[in-house]
């Protein structure tokens, strides 16, 4: 399995602390509810913390499933601490569409791919403190088309999309960018109907 993280941030908090080694339980993988509600306690601070957070997903995966990931690929703006993966690969925004398109078809040489996307990758912070769209709609549609091809061909095992309105500035911009990314997906009417 390969893992591609498309995000403004590395999401590798607690990379050195690695609380999952002590606090992980198999039940965390049994349901989304159990995963989301998993916590651990820091006794000296009388504090309960969420075990799986948006900013720890890469370090949690690295701690719990490193042996299952062949290539770690990052398309980020480099925000946050980089994970301790000496063999990590990088893709620039310019390289990303071609990389996704070339990876989409199933072949005997490649591994299945998990694609983890955070919508804040497509935004930037303005001088006035507001967030704006960074890439053109055409670029975002191109990525969406490649994602759709990879899912249809069976090469992309999982594609996750985090809206992250706190790091995109608003729900409105986050949803707008997500719909642009999903524009070419054949099941878009069903997704749109199920959206809150």
Protein backbone atom coordinates (compact mmCIF):
# COMPACT_ATOMS: atom_id res chain seq x y z
CA UNK A 1 0.00 0.00 0.00
CA UNK A 2 1.18 3.56 -0.75
CA UNK A 3 -0.02 6.63 1.14
CA UNK A 4 -0.44 10.09 -0.42
CA UNK A 5 -1.08 13.04 1.91
CA UNK A 6 -2.37 16.17 0.12
CA UNK A 7 -2.60 18.91 2.71
CA UNK A 8 -1.22 22.28 3.73
CA UNK A 9 0.07 20.56 6.89
CA UNK A 10 2.06 17.40 7.59
CA UNK A 11 -0.44 16.27 10.29
CA UNK A 12 2.38 14.57 12.19
CA UNK A 13 1.91 15.95 15.71
CA UNK A 14 3.08 13.64 18.51
CA UNK A 15 5.45 11.92 16.09
CA UNK A 16 7.98 11.46 18.90
CA UNK A 17 5.52 10.97 21.79
CA UNK A 18 3.64 8.19 19.94
CA UNK A 19 0.78 7.76 22.45
CA UNK A 20 -0.84 5.10 20.23
CA UNK A 21 1.72 2.51 21.33
CA UNK A 22 0.30 2.64 24.85
CA UNK A 23 -3.33 3.63 24.24
CA UNK A 24 -4.35 1.94 20.98
CA UNK A 25 -7.09 -0.71 21.30
CA UNK A 26 -8.40 -2.95 18.49
CA UNK A 27 -11.91 -1.61 19.13
CA UNK A 28 -10.75 1.72 17.65
CA UNK A 29 -10.89 0.05 14.24
CA UNK A 30 -14.33 -1.45 14.75
CA UNK A 31 -16.40 1.64 13.95
CA UNK A 32 -16.08 5.31 13.08
CA UNK A 33 -17.69 6.15 16.43
CA UNK A 34 -15.06 4.17 18.38
CA UNK A 35 -12.28 5.73 16.33
CA UNK A 36 -13.56 9.27 16.85
CA UNK A 37 -14.24 8.85 20.57
CA UNK A 38 -10.88 7.25 21.49
CA UNK A 39 -9.12 9.29 24.17
CA UNK A 40 -6.18 8.99 26.50
CA UNK A 41 -5.53 10.61 29.85
CA UNK A 42 -2.53 12.65 30.95
CA UNK A 43 -2.75 12.16 34.70
CA UNK A 44 -0.25 14.83 35.74
CA UNK A 45 -2.26 17.48 33.87
CA UNK A 46 -5.68 15.98 34.72
CA UNK A 47 -6.42 16.10 31.00
CA UNK A 48 -8.20 13.82 28.51
CA UNK A 49 -7.06 14.16 24.89
CA UNK A 50 -8.52 12.82 21.67
CA UNK A 51 -6.23 10.03 20.46
CA UNK A 52 -6.85 10.42 16.71
CA UNK A 53 -6.91 14.08 15.70
CA UNK A 54 -6.73 15.89 12.38
CA UNK A 55 -3.15 16.95 13.14
CA UNK A 56 -1.92 13.46 14.15
CA UNK A 57 -3.22 11.24 11.35
CA UNK A 58 0.17 10.73 9.67
CA UNK A 59 2.06 10.03 12.89
CA UNK A 60 -0.72 7.67 14.08
CA UNK A 61 -0.60 5.76 10.79
CA UNK A 62 3.19 5.68 10.95
CA UNK A 63 3.11 4.33 14.51
CA UNK A 64 0.39 1.72 14.00
CA UNK A 65 0.77 0.64 10.37
CA UNK A 66 4.24 1.60 9.14
CA UNK A 67 4.87 -1.97 7.99
CA UNK A 68 1.85 -1.80 5.66
CA UNK A 69 2.93 1.38 3.82
CA UNK A 70 5.46 1.03 1.01
CA UNK A 71 5.77 4.67 -0.16
CA UNK A 72 4.93 7.77 1.89
CA UNK A 73 4.18 10.63 -0.53
CA UNK A 74 3.51 14.21 0.54
CA UNK A 75 2.05 17.12 -1.37
CA UNK A 76 2.02 19.80 1.32
CA UNK A 77 2.89 23.42 1.93
CA UNK A 78 5.33 22.17 4.55
CA UNK A 79 3.41 23.51 7.56
CA UNK A 80 3.94 21.71 10.85
CA UNK A 81 6.64 19.25 11.82
CA UNK A 82 7.60 16.74 9.13
CA UNK A 83 7.21 13.09 10.15
CA UNK A 84 10.28 11.00 10.89
CA UNK A 85 10.14 9.09 7.60
CA UNK A 86 13.54 9.10 5.94
CA UNK A 87 12.22 7.73 2.65
CA UNK A 88 9.29 10.14 2.24
CA UNK A 89 8.68 11.47 -1.25
CA UNK A 90 7.35 14.88 -2.22
CA UNK A 91 5.16 16.12 -5.04
CA UNK A 92 4.85 19.76 -5.94
CA UNK A 93 1.50 21.20 -7.03
CA UNK A 94 2.84 21.17 -10.58
CA UNK A 95 3.66 17.44 -10.38
CA UNK A 96 0.54 16.29 -8.55
CA UNK A 97 -2.00 15.98 -11.43
CA UNK A 98 0.40 13.97 -13.60
CA UNK A 99 1.39 11.79 -10.64
CA UNK A 100 -2.27 10.97 -9.91
CA UNK A 101 -3.04 10.28 -13.58
CA UNK A 102 -0.02 8.02 -14.02
CA UNK A 103 -0.79 6.18 -10.77
CA UNK A 104 -4.52 5.70 -11.52
CA UNK A 105 -4.33 2.70 -13.89
CA UNK A 106 -3.82 -0.67 -12.23
CA UNK A 107 -0.56 -2.34 -13.18
CA UNK A 108 1.55 -5.18 -11.83
CA UNK A 109 4.31 -2.88 -10.59
CA UNK A 110 2.35 -0.46 -8.40
CA UNK A 111 0.82 -0.74 -4.96
CA UNK A 112 -2.75 0.25 -4.09
CA UNK A 113 -2.93 3.87 -2.96
CA UNK A 114 -4.61 5.60 -0.02
CA UNK A 115 -5.20 9.28 -0.87
CA UNK A 116 -5.73 11.57 2.12
CA UNK A 117 -6.82 15.09 1.12
CA UNK A 118 -7.33 18.15 3.28
CA UNK A 119 -9.17 20.94 1.48
CA UNK A 120 -6.95 23.58 3.08
CA UNK A 121 -4.28 22.51 0.55
CA UNK A 122 -6.24 24.56 -1.99
CA UNK A 123 -6.29 27.80 0.06
CA UNK A 124 -3.92 30.54 1.15
CA UNK A 125 -4.03 33.24 3.81
CA UNK A 126 -4.41 36.83 2.64
CA UNK A 127 -2.84 39.85 4.39
CA UNK A 128 -6.24 40.80 5.82
CA UNK A 129 -6.57 37.41 7.57
CA UNK A 130 -9.08 35.92 5.11
CA UNK A 131 -8.58 32.69 3.19
CA UNK A 132 -8.83 32.54 -0.60
CA UNK A 133 -8.69 29.82 -3.23
CA UNK A 134 -5.08 29.19 -4.24
CA UNK A 135 -5.44 27.04 -7.37
CA UNK A 136 -7.70 27.51 -10.39
CA UNK A 137 -10.94 25.57 -10.78
CA UNK A 138 -9.36 23.89 -13.82
CA UNK A 139 -6.48 22.58 -11.68
CA UNK A 140 -8.83 21.32 -8.97
CA UNK A 141 -11.08 19.63 -11.57
CA UNK A 142 -8.01 17.98 -13.09
CA UNK A 143 -7.11 16.47 -9.71
CA UNK A 144 -10.72 15.35 -9.24
CA UNK A 145 -10.78 13.65 -12.65
CA UNK A 146 -7.57 11.76 -11.82
CA UNK A 147 -9.03 10.71 -8.44
CA UNK A 148 -12.17 9.46 -10.15
CA UNK A 149 -10.09 7.44 -12.63
CA UNK A 150 -8.03 5.89 -9.84
CA UNK A 151 -11.15 4.90 -7.90
CA UNK A 152 -12.87 3.54 -11.02
CA UNK A 153 -9.78 1.53 -11.99
CA UNK A 154 -9.48 0.13 -8.47
CA UNK A 155 -5.95 1.44 -7.90
CA UNK A 156 -6.98 3.99 -5.27
CA UNK A 157 -8.21 1.91 -2.34
CA UNK A 158 -9.47 4.84 -0.27
CA UNK A 159 -9.83 8.58 -0.85
CA UNK A 160 -10.56 10.67 2.24
CA UNK A 161 -11.42 14.36 2.11
CA UNK A 162 -11.32 16.60 5.18
CA UNK A 163 -13.13 19.91 4.75
CA UNK A 164 -11.30 21.62 7.65
CA UNK A 165 -13.31 24.86 7.78
CA UNK A 166 -11.08 26.20 10.57
CA UNK A 167 -8.04 26.16 8.28
CA UNK A 168 -9.88 27.21 5.13
CA UNK A 169 -11.56 30.16 6.82
CA UNK A 170 -15.19 29.03 6.41
CA UNK A 171 -17.53 26.17 5.69
CA UNK A 172 -18.62 27.98 2.52
CA UNK A 173 -15.13 28.01 0.96
CA UNK A 174 -14.37 24.47 2.17
CA UNK A 175 -17.57 23.09 0.63
CA UNK A 176 -17.12 25.06 -2.59
CA UNK A 177 -13.61 23.65 -3.06
CA UNK A 178 -14.77 20.12 -2.21
CA UNK A 179 -17.57 20.26 -4.80
CA UNK A 180 -15.04 21.54 -7.38
CA UNK A 181 -12.79 18.58 -6.60
CA UNK A 182 -15.69 16.10 -6.82
CA UNK A 183 -17.23 17.69 -9.92
CA UNK A 184 -16.26 14.81 -12.25
CA UNK A 185 -17.33 12.01 -9.90
CA UNK A 186 -20.22 9.99 -11.41
CA UNK A 187 -21.93 9.65 -8.03
CA UNK A 188 -21.88 13.41 -7.37
CA UNK A 189 -25.71 13.82 -7.43
CA UNK A 190 -25.98 11.19 -4.67
CA UNK A 191 -23.20 12.83 -2.64
CA UNK A 192 -24.78 16.26 -3.06
CA UNK A 193 -28.18 14.94 -1.99
CA UNK A 194 -26.67 13.47 1.16
CA UNK A 195 -24.72 16.56 2.16
CA UNK A 196 -25.92 18.49 5.23
